N, C-alpha and C. Protein backbone atom coordinates (compact mmCIF):
# COMPACT_ATOMS: atom_id res chain seq x y z
N UNK A 1 -23.77 7.51 16.70
CA UNK A 1 -23.66 6.40 15.65
C UNK A 1 -22.68 5.42 15.99
N UNK A 2 -22.86 4.18 15.93
CA UNK A 2 -21.85 3.12 16.29
C UNK A 2 -20.74 3.03 15.39
N UNK A 3 -19.50 2.97 15.83
CA UNK A 3 -18.37 2.78 15.06
C UNK A 3 -18.20 1.55 14.30
N UNK A 4 -17.82 1.65 13.03
CA UNK A 4 -17.75 0.34 12.27
C UNK A 4 -16.31 0.18 11.96
N UNK A 5 -15.71 -1.13 11.85
CA UNK A 5 -14.39 -1.37 11.58
C UNK A 5 -14.57 -2.49 10.32
N UNK A 6 -13.70 -2.37 9.25
CA UNK A 6 -13.64 -3.30 8.22
C UNK A 6 -12.40 -4.10 8.17
N UNK A 7 -12.57 -5.29 7.55
CA UNK A 7 -11.50 -6.20 7.37
C UNK A 7 -11.35 -6.53 5.97
N UNK A 8 -10.24 -6.54 5.37
CA UNK A 8 -10.10 -6.88 3.90
C UNK A 8 -8.92 -7.75 3.74
N UNK A 9 -9.17 -8.72 2.81
CA UNK A 9 -8.06 -9.71 2.24
C UNK A 9 -8.43 -10.11 0.93
N UNK A 10 -7.42 -10.68 0.21
CA UNK A 10 -7.71 -11.40 -1.20
C UNK A 10 -7.82 -12.77 -0.90
N UNK A 11 -8.94 -13.33 -1.62
CA UNK A 11 -9.31 -14.64 -1.57
C UNK A 11 -8.38 -15.53 -2.24
N UNK A 12 -7.57 -16.43 -1.59
CA UNK A 12 -6.52 -17.34 -2.34
C UNK A 12 -7.12 -18.26 -3.32
N UNK A 13 -8.33 -18.47 -3.34
CA UNK A 13 -9.08 -19.35 -4.27
C UNK A 13 -9.55 -18.84 -5.46
N UNK A 14 -10.34 -17.66 -5.23
CA UNK A 14 -11.01 -17.03 -6.45
C UNK A 14 -10.28 -15.72 -6.95
N UNK A 15 -9.57 -15.16 -6.03
CA UNK A 15 -8.76 -13.95 -6.32
C UNK A 15 -9.48 -12.59 -6.05
N UNK A 16 -10.66 -12.77 -5.62
CA UNK A 16 -11.49 -11.68 -5.27
C UNK A 16 -11.08 -10.93 -4.10
N UNK A 17 -11.20 -9.45 -4.06
CA UNK A 17 -11.02 -8.77 -2.94
C UNK A 17 -12.25 -8.89 -1.93
N UNK A 18 -12.01 -9.25 -0.64
CA UNK A 18 -13.14 -9.56 0.21
C UNK A 18 -13.00 -8.43 1.38
N UNK A 19 -14.18 -7.74 1.49
CA UNK A 19 -14.17 -6.71 2.70
C UNK A 19 -15.51 -6.98 3.46
N UNK A 20 -15.27 -7.05 4.77
CA UNK A 20 -16.51 -7.36 5.61
C UNK A 20 -16.49 -6.18 6.69
N UNK A 21 -17.48 -5.87 7.25
CA UNK A 21 -17.52 -4.85 8.35
C UNK A 21 -18.34 -5.32 9.40
N UNK A 22 -17.71 -4.92 10.71
CA UNK A 22 -18.56 -5.32 12.00
C UNK A 22 -18.54 -4.07 12.89
N UNK A 23 -19.44 -4.05 13.72
CA UNK A 23 -19.42 -2.80 14.66
C UNK A 23 -18.41 -3.10 15.78
N UNK A 24 -17.97 -1.95 16.45
CA UNK A 24 -16.84 -2.19 17.54
C UNK A 24 -17.54 -3.04 18.61
N UNK A 25 -18.76 -2.72 18.90
CA UNK A 25 -19.36 -3.58 20.07
C UNK A 25 -19.45 -5.02 19.74
N UNK A 26 -19.92 -5.36 18.42
CA UNK A 26 -20.03 -6.83 18.16
C UNK A 26 -18.70 -7.41 18.20
N UNK A 27 -17.50 -6.69 17.69
CA UNK A 27 -16.18 -7.30 17.60
C UNK A 27 -15.71 -7.51 19.21
N UNK A 28 -16.04 -6.59 19.88
CA UNK A 28 -15.51 -6.69 21.42
C UNK A 28 -16.37 -7.97 22.17
N UNK A 29 -17.47 -8.19 21.67
CA UNK A 29 -18.36 -9.24 22.35
C UNK A 29 -18.12 -10.54 21.93
N UNK A 30 -17.78 -10.76 20.51
CA UNK A 30 -17.81 -12.27 20.19
C UNK A 30 -16.72 -12.36 18.96
N UNK A 31 -16.49 -13.59 18.53
CA UNK A 31 -15.83 -13.97 17.48
C UNK A 31 -16.52 -13.55 16.07
N UNK A 32 -15.68 -13.46 15.20
CA UNK A 32 -16.39 -12.97 13.74
C UNK A 32 -15.75 -13.67 12.72
N UNK A 33 -16.55 -13.79 11.61
CA UNK A 33 -15.85 -14.48 10.51
C UNK A 33 -16.36 -13.70 9.16
N UNK A 34 -15.33 -13.42 8.33
CA UNK A 34 -15.60 -12.71 7.11
C UNK A 34 -15.36 -13.66 5.97
N UNK A 35 -16.37 -14.17 5.27
CA UNK A 35 -16.31 -15.19 4.23
C UNK A 35 -16.23 -14.59 2.75
N UNK A 36 -15.58 -15.17 2.07
CA UNK A 36 -15.61 -14.87 0.56
C UNK A 36 -16.89 -15.38 -0.07
N UNK A 37 -17.43 -14.71 -1.00
CA UNK A 37 -18.62 -15.14 -1.73
C UNK A 37 -18.56 -16.53 -2.27
N UNK A 38 -17.31 -16.90 -2.83
CA UNK A 38 -16.99 -18.37 -3.38
C UNK A 38 -17.14 -19.39 -2.33
N UNK A 39 -17.17 -19.13 -1.04
CA UNK A 39 -17.34 -20.02 0.02
C UNK A 39 -16.12 -20.88 0.29
N UNK A 40 -14.93 -20.55 -0.33
CA UNK A 40 -13.79 -21.34 -0.06
C UNK A 40 -12.58 -20.61 0.81
N UNK A 41 -12.97 -19.51 1.27
CA UNK A 41 -12.07 -18.81 2.18
C UNK A 41 -12.75 -18.04 3.21
N UNK A 42 -12.14 -17.95 4.37
CA UNK A 42 -12.61 -17.04 5.44
C UNK A 42 -11.76 -16.54 6.36
N UNK A 43 -11.92 -15.36 6.85
CA UNK A 43 -10.97 -14.68 7.81
C UNK A 43 -11.77 -14.75 9.00
N UNK A 44 -10.94 -15.42 10.11
CA UNK A 44 -11.55 -15.68 11.46
C UNK A 44 -10.94 -14.79 12.51
N UNK A 45 -11.80 -14.08 13.33
CA UNK A 45 -11.45 -13.19 14.19
C UNK A 45 -11.87 -13.57 15.56
N UNK A 46 -10.89 -13.68 16.55
CA UNK A 46 -11.29 -14.12 17.85
C UNK A 46 -10.61 -13.01 18.89
N UNK A 47 -11.11 -12.78 20.09
CA UNK A 47 -10.57 -11.81 20.87
C UNK A 47 -10.76 -12.24 22.33
N UNK A 48 -9.76 -11.96 23.16
CA UNK A 48 -9.92 -12.37 24.64
C UNK A 48 -10.17 -10.89 25.46
N UNK A 49 -10.48 -9.79 24.72
CA UNK A 49 -10.78 -8.60 25.31
C UNK A 49 -9.68 -7.51 25.27
N UNK A 50 -8.44 -8.09 25.27
CA UNK A 50 -7.18 -7.19 25.20
C UNK A 50 -6.53 -7.40 23.87
N UNK A 51 -6.55 -8.58 23.31
CA UNK A 51 -5.85 -8.83 21.94
C UNK A 51 -6.77 -9.52 21.03
N UNK A 52 -6.48 -9.28 19.64
CA UNK A 52 -7.36 -10.03 18.64
C UNK A 52 -6.39 -11.06 18.00
N UNK A 53 -7.01 -12.11 17.67
CA UNK A 53 -6.04 -13.18 16.92
C UNK A 53 -6.87 -13.29 15.50
N UNK A 54 -6.20 -13.19 14.38
CA UNK A 54 -6.76 -13.34 13.23
C UNK A 54 -6.23 -14.48 12.46
N UNK A 55 -7.00 -15.39 11.77
CA UNK A 55 -6.52 -16.36 10.88
C UNK A 55 -6.78 -15.92 9.43
N UNK A 56 -5.71 -15.29 8.78
CA UNK A 56 -5.95 -14.64 7.49
C UNK A 56 -5.55 -15.41 6.38
N UNK A 57 -6.57 -15.75 5.36
CA UNK A 57 -6.21 -16.40 4.16
C UNK A 57 -5.56 -15.47 3.23
N UNK A 58 -4.46 -15.86 2.75
CA UNK A 58 -3.38 -14.96 2.01
C UNK A 58 -3.55 -15.14 0.52
N UNK A 59 -3.93 -14.14 -0.25
CA UNK A 59 -4.07 -14.11 -1.64
C UNK A 59 -2.77 -13.88 -2.37
N UNK A 60 -1.65 -13.58 -1.57
CA UNK A 60 -0.43 -13.52 -2.26
C UNK A 60 0.49 -14.75 -2.32
N UNK A 61 0.33 -15.70 -1.22
CA UNK A 61 1.12 -16.83 -1.19
C UNK A 61 0.27 -18.07 -1.05
N UNK A 62 -1.10 -18.01 -0.82
CA UNK A 62 -2.05 -19.21 -0.79
C UNK A 62 -2.22 -19.79 0.58
N UNK A 63 -1.23 -19.41 1.55
CA UNK A 63 -1.32 -19.97 2.96
C UNK A 63 -2.30 -19.22 3.72
N UNK A 64 -2.63 -19.64 5.18
CA UNK A 64 -3.37 -19.08 5.99
C UNK A 64 -2.36 -18.54 7.18
N UNK A 65 -2.37 -17.34 7.40
CA UNK A 65 -1.39 -16.70 8.37
C UNK A 65 -2.15 -16.45 9.70
N UNK A 66 -1.59 -16.64 10.69
CA UNK A 66 -2.04 -16.20 12.08
C UNK A 66 -1.39 -14.77 12.55
N UNK A 67 -2.21 -13.84 13.01
CA UNK A 67 -1.74 -12.58 13.37
C UNK A 67 -2.39 -12.21 14.65
N UNK A 68 -1.57 -11.44 15.39
CA UNK A 68 -2.07 -11.06 16.82
C UNK A 68 -2.03 -9.51 16.86
N UNK A 69 -2.99 -8.86 17.19
CA UNK A 69 -3.05 -7.29 17.29
C UNK A 69 -3.55 -6.92 18.54
N UNK A 70 -3.23 -5.83 19.04
CA UNK A 70 -3.98 -5.37 20.25
C UNK A 70 -5.33 -4.81 20.00
N UNK A 71 -6.12 -4.76 20.98
CA UNK A 71 -7.52 -4.35 20.72
C UNK A 71 -7.61 -2.88 20.35
N UNK A 72 -6.55 -2.11 20.77
CA UNK A 72 -6.46 -0.73 20.51
C UNK A 72 -6.27 -0.55 18.86
N UNK A 73 -5.39 -1.41 18.25
CA UNK A 73 -5.01 -1.27 16.90
C UNK A 73 -6.22 -1.76 16.02
N UNK A 74 -7.12 -2.78 16.52
CA UNK A 74 -8.22 -3.35 15.66
C UNK A 74 -9.34 -2.44 15.79
N UNK A 75 -9.57 -1.84 17.00
CA UNK A 75 -10.88 -1.16 17.19
C UNK A 75 -10.77 0.34 17.11
N UNK A 76 -9.60 0.92 17.09
CA UNK A 76 -9.41 2.43 17.19
C UNK A 76 -8.36 2.76 16.02
N UNK A 77 -8.56 4.12 15.66
CA UNK A 77 -7.53 4.75 14.76
C UNK A 77 -7.84 4.35 13.25
N UNK A 78 -6.80 4.65 12.49
CA UNK A 78 -6.95 4.65 11.04
C UNK A 78 -6.88 3.04 10.63
N UNK A 79 -6.03 2.33 11.14
CA UNK A 79 -6.15 0.92 10.84
C UNK A 79 -4.64 0.30 10.81
N UNK A 80 -4.64 -0.95 10.44
CA UNK A 80 -3.35 -1.59 10.53
C UNK A 80 -3.29 -2.65 9.29
N UNK A 81 -2.14 -2.80 8.80
CA UNK A 81 -1.84 -3.86 7.80
C UNK A 81 -1.14 -4.98 8.14
N UNK A 82 -1.53 -6.09 7.85
CA UNK A 82 -0.93 -7.29 8.33
C UNK A 82 -0.22 -8.01 7.12
N UNK A 83 1.14 -8.29 7.36
CA UNK A 83 2.06 -8.76 6.25
C UNK A 83 2.07 -10.28 6.02
N UNK A 84 2.26 -10.69 4.79
CA UNK A 84 2.54 -12.04 4.56
C UNK A 84 3.98 -12.33 4.76
N UNK A 85 4.24 -13.37 5.68
CA UNK A 85 5.65 -13.62 5.93
C UNK A 85 6.45 -14.12 4.74
N UNK A 86 5.95 -14.55 3.74
CA UNK A 86 6.61 -15.25 2.59
C UNK A 86 6.88 -14.09 1.64
N UNK A 87 5.94 -13.30 1.28
CA UNK A 87 6.36 -12.31 0.40
C UNK A 87 6.79 -10.84 0.82
N UNK A 88 6.42 -10.77 2.31
CA UNK A 88 6.85 -9.43 2.76
C UNK A 88 5.94 -8.35 2.58
N UNK A 89 4.82 -8.59 1.89
CA UNK A 89 3.80 -7.48 1.50
C UNK A 89 2.64 -7.72 2.31
N UNK A 90 1.84 -6.58 2.43
CA UNK A 90 0.76 -6.56 3.08
C UNK A 90 -0.27 -7.47 2.52
N UNK A 91 -1.04 -8.29 3.32
CA UNK A 91 -2.04 -9.18 2.57
C UNK A 91 -3.48 -9.02 3.34
N UNK A 92 -3.52 -8.20 4.37
CA UNK A 92 -4.79 -7.93 4.91
C UNK A 92 -4.83 -6.56 5.63
N UNK A 93 -6.06 -5.92 5.55
CA UNK A 93 -6.08 -4.64 6.18
C UNK A 93 -7.32 -4.66 7.17
N UNK A 94 -7.08 -3.96 8.31
CA UNK A 94 -8.10 -3.66 9.31
C UNK A 94 -8.30 -2.23 9.67
N UNK A 95 -9.35 -1.60 9.60
CA UNK A 95 -9.52 -0.37 10.07
C UNK A 95 -10.82 0.32 9.51
N UNK A 96 -10.66 1.64 9.38
CA UNK A 96 -11.84 2.49 8.79
C UNK A 96 -12.35 2.00 7.68
N UNK A 97 -13.69 1.83 7.44
CA UNK A 97 -14.14 1.21 6.18
C UNK A 97 -13.58 1.81 4.94
N UNK A 98 -13.43 3.27 4.84
CA UNK A 98 -13.05 3.98 3.56
C UNK A 98 -11.59 3.58 3.35
N UNK A 99 -10.70 3.60 4.49
CA UNK A 99 -9.40 3.28 4.43
C UNK A 99 -9.15 1.87 3.81
N UNK A 100 -9.88 0.97 4.44
CA UNK A 100 -9.60 -0.42 4.06
C UNK A 100 -10.08 -0.70 2.49
N UNK A 101 -11.24 -0.07 2.15
CA UNK A 101 -11.72 -0.04 0.86
C UNK A 101 -10.59 0.34 -0.16
N UNK A 102 -9.94 1.49 0.07
CA UNK A 102 -8.91 2.11 -0.80
C UNK A 102 -7.78 1.01 -0.70
N UNK A 103 -7.33 0.56 0.39
CA UNK A 103 -6.19 -0.34 0.53
C UNK A 103 -6.33 -1.68 -0.29
N UNK A 104 -7.67 -2.13 -0.07
CA UNK A 104 -7.96 -3.25 -0.93
C UNK A 104 -7.93 -3.14 -2.44
N UNK A 105 -8.30 -2.03 -2.87
CA UNK A 105 -8.26 -1.84 -4.35
C UNK A 105 -6.71 -1.93 -4.80
N UNK A 106 -5.92 -1.28 -4.04
CA UNK A 106 -4.46 -1.41 -4.30
C UNK A 106 -4.06 -2.72 -4.26
N UNK A 107 -4.42 -3.44 -3.19
CA UNK A 107 -3.91 -4.93 -2.98
C UNK A 107 -4.44 -5.83 -4.15
N UNK A 108 -5.70 -5.56 -4.49
CA UNK A 108 -6.06 -6.49 -5.63
C UNK A 108 -5.39 -6.24 -6.77
N UNK A 109 -5.06 -4.98 -7.23
CA UNK A 109 -4.19 -4.68 -8.41
C UNK A 109 -2.87 -5.34 -8.37
N UNK A 110 -2.26 -5.21 -7.13
CA UNK A 110 -0.89 -5.83 -6.94
C UNK A 110 -0.92 -7.33 -7.01
N UNK A 111 -1.89 -7.97 -6.42
CA UNK A 111 -2.08 -9.46 -6.61
C UNK A 111 -2.27 -9.86 -7.84
N UNK A 112 -3.00 -9.17 -8.61
CA UNK A 112 -3.34 -9.38 -10.15
C UNK A 112 -1.99 -9.37 -10.85
N UNK A 113 -1.32 -8.17 -10.56
CA UNK A 113 0.05 -8.10 -11.46
C UNK A 113 0.96 -9.31 -11.07
N UNK A 114 1.06 -9.70 -9.76
CA UNK A 114 1.98 -10.70 -9.47
C UNK A 114 1.74 -11.96 -9.96
N UNK A 115 0.38 -12.13 -10.34
CA UNK A 115 -0.16 -13.49 -10.98
C UNK A 115 0.01 -13.43 -12.48
N UNK A 116 0.19 -12.25 -13.03
CA UNK A 116 0.11 -12.00 -14.58
C UNK A 116 1.53 -12.49 -14.99
N UNK A 117 1.52 -13.20 -16.16
CA UNK A 117 2.70 -13.75 -16.78
C UNK A 117 3.55 -12.63 -17.42
N UNK A 118 2.87 -11.64 -17.86
CA UNK A 118 3.39 -10.51 -18.83
C UNK A 118 4.01 -9.38 -17.70
N UNK A 119 5.37 -9.44 -17.67
CA UNK A 119 5.92 -8.30 -16.86
C UNK A 119 5.69 -6.90 -17.42
N UNK A 120 5.36 -6.10 -16.47
CA UNK A 120 5.09 -4.81 -16.85
C UNK A 120 6.37 -3.81 -16.79
N UNK A 121 6.54 -2.71 -17.61
CA UNK A 121 7.70 -1.94 -17.61
C UNK A 121 7.84 -1.31 -16.19
N UNK A 122 6.68 -1.05 -15.67
CA UNK A 122 6.90 -0.42 -14.18
C UNK A 122 6.08 -1.13 -13.20
N UNK A 123 6.30 -0.94 -11.90
CA UNK A 123 5.53 -1.59 -10.84
C UNK A 123 4.18 -1.18 -11.01
N UNK A 124 3.92 0.12 -11.27
CA UNK A 124 2.54 0.54 -11.53
C UNK A 124 2.74 1.61 -12.50
N UNK A 125 2.12 1.33 -13.84
CA UNK A 125 2.30 2.29 -14.92
C UNK A 125 1.54 3.53 -14.71
N UNK A 126 0.38 3.48 -14.06
CA UNK A 126 -0.35 4.75 -13.81
C UNK A 126 0.29 5.65 -12.78
N UNK A 127 0.92 5.09 -11.85
CA UNK A 127 1.65 5.95 -10.89
C UNK A 127 2.92 6.44 -11.52
N UNK A 128 3.68 5.57 -12.13
CA UNK A 128 4.83 6.16 -12.87
C UNK A 128 4.41 7.40 -13.73
N UNK A 129 3.27 7.25 -14.62
CA UNK A 129 2.89 8.19 -15.50
C UNK A 129 2.70 9.58 -14.68
N UNK A 130 2.00 9.43 -13.62
CA UNK A 130 1.58 10.51 -12.70
C UNK A 130 2.84 11.18 -12.10
N UNK A 131 3.81 10.47 -11.67
CA UNK A 131 5.11 10.81 -11.09
C UNK A 131 5.86 11.66 -12.16
N UNK A 132 5.93 11.18 -13.27
CA UNK A 132 6.58 11.72 -14.41
C UNK A 132 5.97 13.13 -14.93
N UNK A 133 4.64 13.12 -14.77
CA UNK A 133 3.91 14.30 -15.08
C UNK A 133 4.16 15.42 -13.93
N UNK A 134 4.08 14.96 -12.75
CA UNK A 134 4.32 15.86 -11.69
C UNK A 134 5.88 16.54 -11.75
N UNK A 135 6.76 15.61 -12.06
CA UNK A 135 7.96 16.06 -12.26
C UNK A 135 8.26 17.11 -13.39
N UNK A 136 7.61 16.70 -14.38
CA UNK A 136 7.50 17.84 -15.50
C UNK A 136 7.00 19.05 -15.21
N UNK A 137 5.96 19.19 -14.29
CA UNK A 137 5.40 20.42 -13.65
C UNK A 137 6.52 21.08 -12.79
N UNK A 138 7.20 20.38 -11.91
CA UNK A 138 8.08 21.13 -11.09
C UNK A 138 9.23 21.50 -11.84
N UNK A 139 9.73 20.81 -12.89
CA UNK A 139 10.90 21.16 -13.80
C UNK A 139 10.35 22.40 -14.52
N UNK A 140 9.02 22.54 -15.00
CA UNK A 140 8.48 23.77 -15.74
C UNK A 140 8.70 24.88 -14.98
N UNK A 141 8.47 24.99 -13.55
CA UNK A 141 8.70 26.09 -12.83
C UNK A 141 10.08 26.36 -12.31
N UNK A 142 10.94 25.44 -12.92
CA UNK A 142 12.48 25.76 -12.50
C UNK A 142 12.65 25.22 -10.93
N UNK A 143 11.96 24.29 -10.60
CA UNK A 143 12.00 23.83 -9.23
C UNK A 143 12.85 22.57 -8.86
N UNK A 144 13.73 22.38 -9.68
CA UNK A 144 14.72 21.30 -9.57
C UNK A 144 16.22 21.79 -9.57
N UNK A 145 16.87 21.75 -8.37
CA UNK A 145 18.25 22.05 -8.36
C UNK A 145 19.01 21.33 -7.38
N UNK A 146 20.43 21.46 -7.43
CA UNK A 146 21.40 20.67 -6.59
C UNK A 146 21.93 21.65 -5.65
N UNK A 147 22.36 21.05 -4.45
CA UNK A 147 22.88 21.82 -3.43
C UNK A 147 24.24 22.43 -3.87
N UNK A 148 24.93 22.01 -4.94
CA UNK A 148 26.12 22.53 -5.52
C UNK A 148 25.90 23.79 -6.23
N UNK A 149 24.50 24.07 -6.47
CA UNK A 149 24.33 25.29 -7.23
C UNK A 149 23.85 25.01 -8.64
N UNK A 150 23.96 23.96 -9.02
CA UNK A 150 23.64 23.54 -10.60
C UNK A 150 22.15 23.37 -10.73
N UNK A 151 21.55 23.52 -11.85
CA UNK A 151 20.33 23.38 -12.23
C UNK A 151 20.35 22.42 -13.37
N UNK A 152 21.50 21.83 -13.73
CA UNK A 152 21.45 20.89 -14.90
C UNK A 152 21.42 19.50 -14.25
N UNK A 153 20.53 18.67 -14.83
CA UNK A 153 20.44 17.34 -14.33
C UNK A 153 19.88 16.48 -15.13
N UNK A 154 20.13 15.04 -15.02
CA UNK A 154 19.65 13.95 -15.87
C UNK A 154 18.53 13.14 -15.20
N UNK A 155 17.71 12.51 -15.83
CA UNK A 155 16.67 11.83 -15.31
C UNK A 155 16.93 10.16 -15.79
N UNK A 156 16.81 9.34 -14.76
CA UNK A 156 16.82 7.85 -15.24
C UNK A 156 15.56 7.35 -14.56
N UNK A 157 14.72 6.74 -15.45
CA UNK A 157 13.50 6.10 -14.96
C UNK A 157 13.81 4.68 -14.71
N UNK A 158 13.61 4.06 -13.49
CA UNK A 158 13.67 2.73 -13.15
C UNK A 158 12.27 2.00 -13.16
N UNK A 159 12.11 0.79 -12.84
CA UNK A 159 11.04 0.17 -12.58
C UNK A 159 9.99 0.77 -11.54
N UNK A 160 10.59 1.10 -10.50
CA UNK A 160 9.80 1.56 -9.44
C UNK A 160 10.31 3.04 -8.64
N UNK A 161 11.08 3.68 -9.33
CA UNK A 161 11.76 4.91 -8.96
C UNK A 161 12.04 5.74 -10.17
N UNK A 162 12.30 7.08 -9.89
CA UNK A 162 12.96 7.93 -10.91
C UNK A 162 14.13 8.64 -10.09
N UNK A 163 15.35 8.49 -10.77
CA UNK A 163 16.51 9.09 -10.23
C UNK A 163 16.91 10.34 -10.89
N UNK A 164 17.30 11.38 -10.04
CA UNK A 164 17.61 12.67 -10.68
C UNK A 164 19.17 12.72 -10.33
N UNK A 165 19.93 13.02 -11.28
CA UNK A 165 21.33 13.06 -11.26
C UNK A 165 21.91 14.42 -11.47
N UNK A 166 22.51 15.15 -10.62
CA UNK A 166 23.21 16.41 -11.15
C UNK A 166 24.38 16.26 -12.04
N UNK A 167 24.33 16.92 -13.23
CA UNK A 167 25.31 16.89 -14.30
C UNK A 167 26.68 17.36 -13.78
N UNK A 168 26.70 18.28 -12.92
CA UNK A 168 27.84 18.95 -12.43
C UNK A 168 28.60 18.13 -11.48
N UNK A 169 27.95 17.77 -10.34
CA UNK A 169 28.73 16.85 -9.31
C UNK A 169 28.36 15.57 -9.09
N UNK A 170 27.36 14.99 -9.83
CA UNK A 170 26.90 13.65 -9.82
C UNK A 170 26.14 13.29 -8.64
N UNK A 171 25.65 14.31 -7.75
CA UNK A 171 24.73 14.03 -6.69
C UNK A 171 23.40 13.47 -7.18
N UNK A 172 22.72 12.57 -6.45
CA UNK A 172 21.59 11.82 -6.83
C UNK A 172 20.35 12.10 -5.79
N UNK A 173 19.18 12.01 -6.45
CA UNK A 173 18.15 12.17 -5.61
C UNK A 173 17.12 10.96 -6.16
N UNK A 174 16.67 10.12 -5.34
CA UNK A 174 15.74 9.01 -5.83
C UNK A 174 14.40 9.15 -5.38
N UNK A 175 13.48 9.22 -6.30
CA UNK A 175 12.03 9.46 -6.05
C UNK A 175 11.35 8.18 -6.25
N UNK A 176 10.87 7.45 -5.18
CA UNK A 176 9.99 6.32 -5.32
C UNK A 176 8.78 6.56 -6.17
N UNK A 177 8.46 5.61 -7.08
CA UNK A 177 7.28 5.85 -7.85
C UNK A 177 6.56 4.55 -8.17
N UNK A 178 6.11 3.90 -6.96
CA UNK A 178 5.35 2.68 -7.13
C UNK A 178 3.99 2.62 -6.44
N UNK A 179 3.74 3.55 -5.59
CA UNK A 179 2.60 3.48 -4.76
C UNK A 179 1.90 4.89 -4.76
N UNK A 180 0.63 4.85 -4.35
CA UNK A 180 -0.23 6.06 -4.10
C UNK A 180 0.65 7.02 -3.11
N UNK A 181 1.20 6.39 -2.07
CA UNK A 181 1.86 7.33 -1.16
C UNK A 181 3.02 7.91 -1.75
N UNK A 182 3.83 7.30 -2.65
CA UNK A 182 4.89 7.83 -3.36
C UNK A 182 4.41 9.13 -4.16
N UNK A 183 3.28 8.98 -4.89
CA UNK A 183 2.76 10.08 -5.61
C UNK A 183 2.27 11.17 -4.85
N UNK A 184 1.57 10.84 -3.53
CA UNK A 184 1.07 11.90 -2.73
C UNK A 184 2.36 12.65 -2.14
N UNK A 185 3.42 12.07 -1.75
CA UNK A 185 4.55 12.73 -1.19
C UNK A 185 5.15 13.75 -2.17
N UNK A 186 5.20 13.36 -3.52
CA UNK A 186 5.98 14.18 -4.66
C UNK A 186 4.88 15.25 -4.81
N UNK A 187 3.53 15.19 -4.82
CA UNK A 187 2.65 16.02 -5.03
C UNK A 187 2.76 17.24 -4.04
N UNK A 188 3.20 17.04 -2.80
CA UNK A 188 3.40 17.89 -1.89
C UNK A 188 4.55 18.88 -2.12
N UNK A 189 5.32 18.50 -3.12
CA UNK A 189 6.65 19.41 -3.27
C UNK A 189 6.46 20.41 -4.13
N UNK A 190 6.97 21.54 -3.90
CA UNK A 190 7.00 22.73 -4.75
C UNK A 190 8.28 22.72 -5.58
N UNK A 191 9.40 22.38 -4.85
CA UNK A 191 10.73 22.25 -5.28
C UNK A 191 11.35 20.88 -5.05
N UNK A 192 12.36 20.50 -5.78
CA UNK A 192 13.09 19.26 -5.45
C UNK A 192 14.60 19.60 -5.30
N UNK A 193 15.29 19.09 -4.34
CA UNK A 193 16.64 19.33 -4.12
C UNK A 193 17.67 18.16 -4.14
N UNK A 194 18.45 18.07 -5.12
CA UNK A 194 19.48 16.95 -5.21
C UNK A 194 20.47 17.23 -4.23
N UNK A 195 20.85 16.23 -3.41
CA UNK A 195 21.93 16.30 -2.56
C UNK A 195 23.28 16.41 -3.23
N UNK A 196 24.08 17.44 -3.29
CA UNK A 196 25.44 17.36 -4.15
C UNK A 196 26.42 16.60 -3.35
N UNK A 197 27.57 16.32 -4.16
CA UNK A 197 28.66 15.56 -3.47
C UNK A 197 29.81 16.41 -3.06
């Protein structure tokens, strides 16, 4: 079965997440274009056989960015994220179809939040809720301790992280709580260790 690669971006005109797929063979042979349904934005893909040049419409800042990637990065492996130079955030994903689909769901949510006039309490309320639930489970099995020997700690919830502070020595452990990756890395932990002072 022929390998398929997907490209995803947010349309700067209508705000829709756009995902298009092409076979590795087709990408290696000729230029490609991934158009938004609204007809007002398109991702252009060109190759010289060793490198790919992409013209990416950016749903974060509204500009079009030029990105160059190796053929290996575009045609093989899990994928690559291309960043917006103005916001510093990923604005385009290239890679395995399932991976790109998941990343585009996250990107669409992030782009929507950034355009929203109403600031939310957390970078991602759902992720923060899940992180706090996971912390409650770890604490429930007495899995939080400091290297100084204390098991007494305080919790401070920030916009995109949770800080655990040892009540005895003041040591801190910051747990990022803004993305799916932050949640995944916490879910792997049976215990948490605060670095004492």
